Amino acid sequence: MWEREGSQFKFERDDQGLLRITDKQEGRSVVFRRHKGRVFSRLGAKDFAHFSRLAERMQSVAQ
């Protein structure tokens, strides 16, 4: 599980193949879940923009 205080999302992953993303700030609860080949997603353009910015920040920190 990865959850930073003040962040919008909580990420959970287990050794059974479950991946779950929960929105902590907008009350949408689980916005993405992948388990045993089945996918559920309520991610929208705003979410993808958020993840894109996060990926850019993480990449610059890694360098």
PDB file of N, CA and C in Angstrom:
ATOM      1  N   MET A   1       0.853  -1.176   0.000  1.00  0.00           N
ATOM      2  CA  MET A   1       0.000   0.000   0.000  1.00  0.00           C
ATOM      3  C   MET A   1       0.893   1.232   0.000  1.00  0.00           C
ATOM      4  N   TRP A   2       0.477   2.241  -0.730  1.00  0.00           N
ATOM      5  CA  TRP A   2       1.178   3.514  -0.739  1.00  0.00           C
ATOM      6  C   TRP A   2       0.142   4.598  -0.532  1.00  0.00           C
ATOM      7  N   GLU A   3       0.360   5.399   0.499  1.00  0.00           N
ATOM      8  CA  GLU A   3      -0.550   6.499   0.794  1.00  0.00           C
ATOM      9  C   GLU A   3       0.255   7.584   1.487  1.00  0.00           C
ATOM     10  N   ARG A   4       0.357   8.716   0.841  1.00  0.00           N
ATOM     11  CA  ARG A   4       1.062   9.843   1.434  1.00  0.00           C
ATOM     12  C   ARG A   4       0.042  10.776   2.059  1.00  0.00           C
ATOM     13  N   GLU A   5       0.347  11.253   3.245  1.00  0.00           N
ATOM     14  CA  GLU A   5      -0.575  12.160   3.923  1.00  0.00           C
ATOM     15  C   GLU A   5      -0.791  13.403   3.062  1.00  0.00           C
ATOM     16  N   GLY A   6      -2.040  13.772   2.881  1.00  0.00           N
ATOM     17  CA  GLY A   6      -2.391  14.937   2.082  1.00  0.00           C
ATOM     18  C   GLY A   6      -2.533  14.653   0.597  1.00  0.00           C
ATOM     19  N   SER A   7      -2.192  13.442   0.169  1.00  0.00           N
ATOM     20  CA  SER A   7      -2.324  13.114  -1.250  1.00  0.00           C
ATOM     21  C   SER A   7      -3.781  12.775  -1.578  1.00  0.00           C
ATOM     22  N   GLN A   8      -4.110  12.852  -2.829  1.00  0.00           N
ATOM     23  CA  GLN A   8      -5.486  12.609  -3.254  1.00  0.00           C
ATOM     24  C   GLN A   8      -5.814  11.126  -3.353  1.00  0.00           C
ATOM     25  N   PHE A   9      -4.811  10.302  -3.648  1.00  0.00           N
ATOM     26  CA  PHE A   9      -5.082   8.894  -3.922  1.00  0.00           C
ATOM     27  C   PHE A   9      -4.334   7.966  -2.974  1.00  0.00           C
ATOM     28  N   LYS A  10      -4.926   6.809  -2.760  1.00  0.00           N
ATOM     29  CA  LYS A  10      -4.271   5.712  -2.040  1.00  0.00           C
ATOM     30  C   LYS A  10      -4.145   4.557  -3.029  1.00  0.00           C
ATOM     31  N   PHE A  11      -2.953   3.986  -3.115  1.00  0.00           N
ATOM     32  CA  PHE A  11      -2.678   2.870  -4.010  1.00  0.00           C
ATOM     33  C   PHE A  11      -2.483   1.612  -3.177  1.00  0.00           C
ATOM     34  N   GLU A  12      -3.129   0.531  -3.600  1.00  0.00           N
ATOM     35  CA  GLU A  12      -2.976  -0.746  -2.914  1.00  0.00           C
ATOM     36  C   GLU A  12      -2.679  -1.823  -3.937  1.00  0.00           C
ATOM     37  N   ARG A  13      -1.770  -2.714  -3.565  1.00  0.00           N
ATOM     38  CA  ARG A  13      -1.415  -3.830  -4.434  1.00  0.00           C
ATOM     39  C   ARG A  13      -1.095  -5.015  -3.537  1.00  0.00           C
ATOM     40  N   ASP A  14      -1.526  -6.198  -3.937  1.00  0.00           N
ATOM     41  CA  ASP A  14      -1.195  -7.376  -3.141  1.00  0.00           C
ATOM     42  C   ASP A  14      -0.554  -8.451  -4.011  1.00  0.00           C
ATOM     43  N   ASP A  15      -0.100  -9.517  -3.388  1.00  0.00           N
ATOM     44  CA  ASP A  15       0.579 -10.570  -4.128  1.00  0.00           C
ATOM     45  C   ASP A  15      -0.384 -11.495  -4.871  1.00  0.00           C
ATOM     46  N   GLN A  16      -1.678 -11.217  -4.789  1.00  0.00           N
ATOM     47  CA  GLN A  16      -2.689 -11.971  -5.533  1.00  0.00           C
ATOM     48  C   GLN A  16      -3.031 -11.300  -6.865  1.00  0.00           C
ATOM     49  N   GLY A  17      -2.365 -10.169  -7.165  1.00  0.00           N
ATOM     50  CA  GLY A  17      -2.589  -9.474  -8.427  1.00  0.00           C
ATOM     51  C   GLY A  17      -3.583  -8.323  -8.351  1.00  0.00           C
ATOM     52  N   LEU A  18      -4.059  -8.012  -7.153  1.00  0.00           N
ATOM     53  CA  LEU A  18      -5.004  -6.908  -6.988  1.00  0.00           C
ATOM     54  C   LEU A  18      -4.272  -5.577  -7.060  1.00  0.00           C
ATOM     55  N   LEU A  19      -4.814  -4.646  -7.834  1.00  0.00           N
ATOM     56  CA  LEU A  19      -4.354  -3.267  -7.859  1.00  0.00           C
ATOM     57  C   LEU A  19      -5.589  -2.399  -7.684  1.00  0.00           C
ATOM     58  N   ARG A  20      -5.563  -1.523  -6.672  1.00  0.00           N
ATOM     59  CA  ARG A  20      -6.727  -0.679  -6.391  1.00  0.00           C
ATOM     60  C   ARG A  20      -6.250   0.743  -6.109  1.00  0.00           C
ATOM     61  N   ILE A  21      -6.949   1.713  -6.700  1.00  0.00           N
ATOM     62  CA  ILE A  21      -6.681   3.131  -6.466  1.00  0.00           C
ATOM     63  C   ILE A  21      -7.944   3.741  -5.882  1.00  0.00           C
ATOM     64  N   THR A  22      -7.790   4.376  -4.733  1.00  0.00           N
ATOM     65  CA  THR A  22      -8.924   4.989  -4.043  1.00  0.00           C
ATOM     66  C   THR A  22      -8.725   6.498  -3.998  1.00  0.00           C
ATOM     67  N   ASP A  23      -9.759   7.247  -4.345  1.00  0.00           N
ATOM     68  CA  ASP A  23      -9.750   8.704  -4.250  1.00  0.00           C
ATOM     69  C   ASP A  23     -10.112   9.071  -2.823  1.00  0.00           C
ATOM     70  N   LYS A  24      -9.205   9.746  -2.133  1.00  0.00           N
ATOM     71  CA  LYS A  24      -9.422  10.081  -0.725  1.00  0.00           C
ATOM     72  C   LYS A  24     -10.050  11.458  -0.526  1.00  0.00           C
ATOM     73  N   GLN A  25     -10.015  12.316  -1.541  1.00  0.00           N
ATOM     74  CA  GLN A  25     -10.419  13.699  -1.337  1.00  0.00           C
ATOM     75  C   GLN A  25     -11.775  14.063  -1.918  1.00  0.00           C
ATOM     76  N   GLU A  26     -12.189  13.417  -2.975  1.00  0.00           N
ATOM     77  CA  GLU A  26     -13.427  13.830  -3.638  1.00  0.00           C
ATOM     78  C   GLU A  26     -14.596  12.895  -3.353  1.00  0.00           C
ATOM     79  N   GLY A  27     -14.408  11.946  -2.444  1.00  0.00           N
ATOM     80  CA  GLY A  27     -15.501  11.060  -2.049  1.00  0.00           C
ATOM     81  C   GLY A  27     -15.922  10.049  -3.096  1.00  0.00           C
ATOM     82  N   ARG A  28     -15.045   9.776  -4.070  1.00  0.00           N
ATOM     83  CA  ARG A  28     -15.415   8.833  -5.120  1.00  0.00           C
ATOM     84  C   ARG A  28     -15.066   7.388  -4.755  1.00  0.00           C
ATOM     85  N   SER A  29     -14.397   7.183  -3.638  1.00  0.00           N
ATOM     86  CA  SER A  29     -14.013   5.847  -3.179  1.00  0.00           C
ATOM     87  C   SER A  29     -13.094   5.192  -4.209  1.00  0.00           C
ATOM     88  N   VAL A  30     -13.313   3.928  -4.545  1.00  0.00           N
ATOM     89  CA  VAL A  30     -12.443   3.217  -5.490  1.00  0.00           C
ATOM     90  C   VAL A  30     -12.701   3.743  -6.898  1.00  0.00           C
ATOM     91  N   VAL A  31     -11.622   4.232  -7.541  1.00  0.00           N
ATOM     92  CA  VAL A  31     -11.749   4.749  -8.907  1.00  0.00           C
ATOM     93  C   VAL A  31     -11.111   3.821  -9.935  1.00  0.00           C
ATOM     94  N   PHE A  32     -10.300   2.865  -9.456  1.00  0.00           N
ATOM     95  CA  PHE A  32      -9.703   1.885 -10.363  1.00  0.00           C
ATOM     96  C   PHE A  32      -9.429   0.604  -9.590  1.00  0.00           C
ATOM     97  N   ARG A  33      -9.752  -0.521 -10.237  1.00  0.00           N
ATOM     98  CA  ARG A  33      -9.450  -1.823  -9.632  1.00  0.00           C
ATOM     99  C   ARG A  33      -9.166  -2.810 -10.757  1.00  0.00           C
ATOM    100  N   ARG A  34      -8.058  -3.544 -10.608  1.00  0.00           N
ATOM    101  CA  ARG A  34      -7.729  -4.624 -11.537  1.00  0.00           C
ATOM    102  C   ARG A  34      -7.436  -5.858 -10.694  1.00  0.00           C
ATOM    103  N   HIS A  35      -8.155  -6.931 -10.977  1.00  0.00           N
ATOM    104  CA  HIS A  35      -7.966  -8.168 -10.232  1.00  0.00           C
ATOM    105  C   HIS A  35      -8.394  -9.346 -11.093  1.00  0.00           C
ATOM    106  N   LYS A  36      -7.495 -10.301 -11.231  1.00  0.00           N
ATOM    107  CA  LYS A  36      -7.761 -11.523 -11.993  1.00  0.00           C
ATOM    108  C   LYS A  36      -8.276 -11.238 -13.403  1.00  0.00           C
ATOM    109  N   GLY A  37      -7.644 -10.259 -14.058  1.00  0.00           N
ATOM    110  CA  GLY A  37      -7.988  -9.955 -15.441  1.00  0.00           C
ATOM    111  C   GLY A  37      -9.205  -9.068 -15.629  1.00  0.00           C
ATOM    112  N   ARG A  38      -9.879  -8.730 -14.561  1.00  0.00           N
ATOM    113  CA  ARG A  38     -11.050  -7.857 -14.661  1.00  0.00           C
ATOM    114  C   ARG A  38     -10.662  -6.448 -14.243  1.00  0.00           C
ATOM    115  N   VAL A  39     -11.133  -5.464 -15.002  1.00  0.00           N
ATOM    116  CA  VAL A  39     -10.784  -4.067 -14.753  1.00  0.00           C
ATOM    117  C   VAL A  39     -12.047  -3.246 -14.544  1.00  0.00           C
ATOM    118  N   PHE A  40     -12.022  -2.411 -13.513  1.00  0.00           N
ATOM    119  CA  PHE A  40     -13.075  -1.450 -13.233  1.00  0.00           C
ATOM    120  C   PHE A  40     -12.388  -0.093 -13.163  1.00  0.00           C
ATOM    121  N   SER A  41     -12.908   0.900 -13.880  1.00  0.00           N
ATOM    122  CA  SER A  41     -12.281   2.211 -13.870  1.00  0.00           C
ATOM    123  C   SER A  41     -13.315   3.316 -13.950  1.00  0.00           C
ATOM    124  N   ARG A  42     -13.143   4.286 -13.082  1.00  0.00           N
ATOM    125  CA  ARG A  42     -13.901   5.541 -13.144  1.00  0.00           C
ATOM    126  C   ARG A  42     -12.927   6.710 -13.238  1.00  0.00           C
ATOM    127  N   LEU A  43     -11.734   6.441 -13.759  1.00  0.00           N
ATOM    128  CA  LEU A  43     -10.736   7.486 -13.927  1.00  0.00           C
ATOM    129  C   LEU A  43     -11.123   8.376 -15.096  1.00  0.00           C
ATOM    130  N   GLY A  44     -10.928   9.660 -14.917  1.00  0.00           N
ATOM    131  CA  GLY A  44     -11.250  10.617 -15.967  1.00  0.00           C
ATOM    132  C   GLY A  44     -10.028  11.423 -16.377  1.00  0.00           C
ATOM    133  N   ALA A  45     -10.229  12.375 -17.264  1.00  0.00           N
ATOM    134  CA  ALA A  45      -9.139  13.196 -17.786  1.00  0.00           C
ATOM    135  C   ALA A  45      -8.395  13.929 -16.679  1.00  0.00           C
ATOM    136  N   LYS A  46      -9.112  14.414 -15.690  1.00  0.00           N
ATOM    137  CA  LYS A  46      -8.494  15.117 -14.562  1.00  0.00           C
ATOM    138  C   LYS A  46      -7.543  14.188 -13.798  1.00  0.00           C
ATOM    139  N   ASP A  47      -7.955  12.932 -13.623  1.00  0.00           N
ATOM    140  CA  ASP A  47      -7.113  11.959 -12.930  1.00  0.00           C
ATOM    141  C   ASP A  47      -5.846  11.661 -13.723  1.00  0.00           C
ATOM    142  N   PHE A  48      -5.993  11.456 -15.040  1.00  0.00           N
ATOM    143  CA  PHE A  48      -4.830  11.165 -15.874  1.00  0.00           C
ATOM    144  C   PHE A  48      -3.863  12.343 -15.904  1.00  0.00           C
ATOM    145  N   ALA A  49      -4.366  13.561 -15.896  1.00  0.00           N
ATOM    146  CA  ALA A  49      -3.501  14.739 -15.831  1.00  0.00           C
ATOM    147  C   ALA A  49      -2.735  14.746 -14.510  1.00  0.00           C
ATOM    148  N   HIS A  50      -3.408  14.408 -13.418  1.00  0.00           N
ATOM    149  CA  HIS A  50      -2.771  14.338 -12.097  1.00  0.00           C
ATOM    150  C   HIS A  50      -1.646  13.298 -12.112  1.00  0.00           C
ATOM    151  N   PHE A  51      -1.920  12.098 -12.634  1.00  0.00           N
ATOM    152  CA  PHE A  51      -0.920  11.035 -12.668  1.00  0.00           C
ATOM    153  C   PHE A  51       0.240  11.401 -13.589  1.00  0.00           C
ATOM    154  N   SER A  52      -0.034  12.109 -14.657  1.00  0.00           N
ATOM    155  CA  SER A  52       1.018  12.538 -15.572  1.00  0.00           C
ATOM    156  C   SER A  52       1.972  13.511 -14.873  1.00  0.00           C
ATOM    157  N   ARG A  53       1.414  14.475 -14.138  1.00  0.00           N
ATOM    158  CA  ARG A  53       2.249  15.414 -13.376  1.00  0.00           C
ATOM    159  C   ARG A  53       3.056  14.675 -12.309  1.00  0.00           C
ATOM    160  N   LEU A  54       2.438  13.728 -11.650  1.00  0.00           N
ATOM    161  CA  LEU A  54       3.117  12.940 -10.626  1.00  0.00           C
ATOM    162  C   LEU A  54       4.274  12.143 -11.232  1.00  0.00           C
ATOM    163  N   ALA A  55       4.056  11.536 -12.380  1.00  0.00           N
ATOM    164  CA  ALA A  55       5.108  10.766 -13.055  1.00  0.00           C
ATOM    165  C   ALA A  55       6.282  11.665 -13.434  1.00  0.00           C
ATOM    166  N   GLU A  56       6.000  12.871 -13.904  1.00  0.00           N
ATOM    167  CA  GLU A  56       7.063  13.814 -14.252  1.00  0.00           C
ATOM    168  C   GLU A  56       7.892  14.176 -13.026  1.00  0.00           C
ATOM    169  N   ARG A  57       7.224  14.425 -11.906  1.00  0.00           N
ATOM    170  CA  ARG A  57       7.938  14.762 -10.664  1.00  0.00           C
ATOM    171  C   ARG A  57       8.787  13.590 -10.191  1.00  0.00           C
ATOM    172  N   MET A  58       8.240  12.391 -10.247  1.00  0.00           N
ATOM    173  CA  MET A  58       8.966  11.206  -9.802  1.00  0.00           C
ATOM    174  C   MET A  58      10.176  10.946 -10.694  1.00  0.00           C
ATOM    175  N   GLN A  59      10.029  11.184 -11.992  1.00  0.00           N
ATOM    176  CA  GLN A  59      11.125  10.971 -12.921  1.00  0.00           C
ATOM    177  C   GLN A  59      12.249  11.960 -12.655  1.00  0.00           C
ATOM    178  N   SER A  60      11.920  13.217 -12.381  1.00  0.00           N
ATOM    179  CA  SER A  60      12.956  14.213 -12.135  1.00  0.00           C
ATOM    180  C   SER A  60      13.671  13.940 -10.809  1.00  0.00           C
ATOM    181  N   VAL A  61      12.954  13.404  -9.818  1.00  0.00           N
ATOM    182  CA  VAL A  61      13.579  13.063  -8.543  1.00  0.00           C
ATOM    183  C   VAL A  61      14.542  11.880  -8.730  1.00  0.00           C
ATOM    184  N   ALA A  62      14.155  10.921  -9.547  1.00  0.00           N
ATOM    185  CA  ALA A  62      14.968   9.737  -9.792  1.00  0.00           C
ATOM    186  C   ALA A  62      16.280  10.096 -10.493  1.00  0.00           C
ATOM    187  N   GLN A  63      16.267  11.142 -11.287  1.00  0.00           N
ATOM    188  CA  GLN A  63      17.472  11.552 -12.014  1.00  0.00           C
ATOM    189  C   GLN A  63      18.378  12.288 -11.066  1.00  0.00           C
TER     190      GLN A  63
END
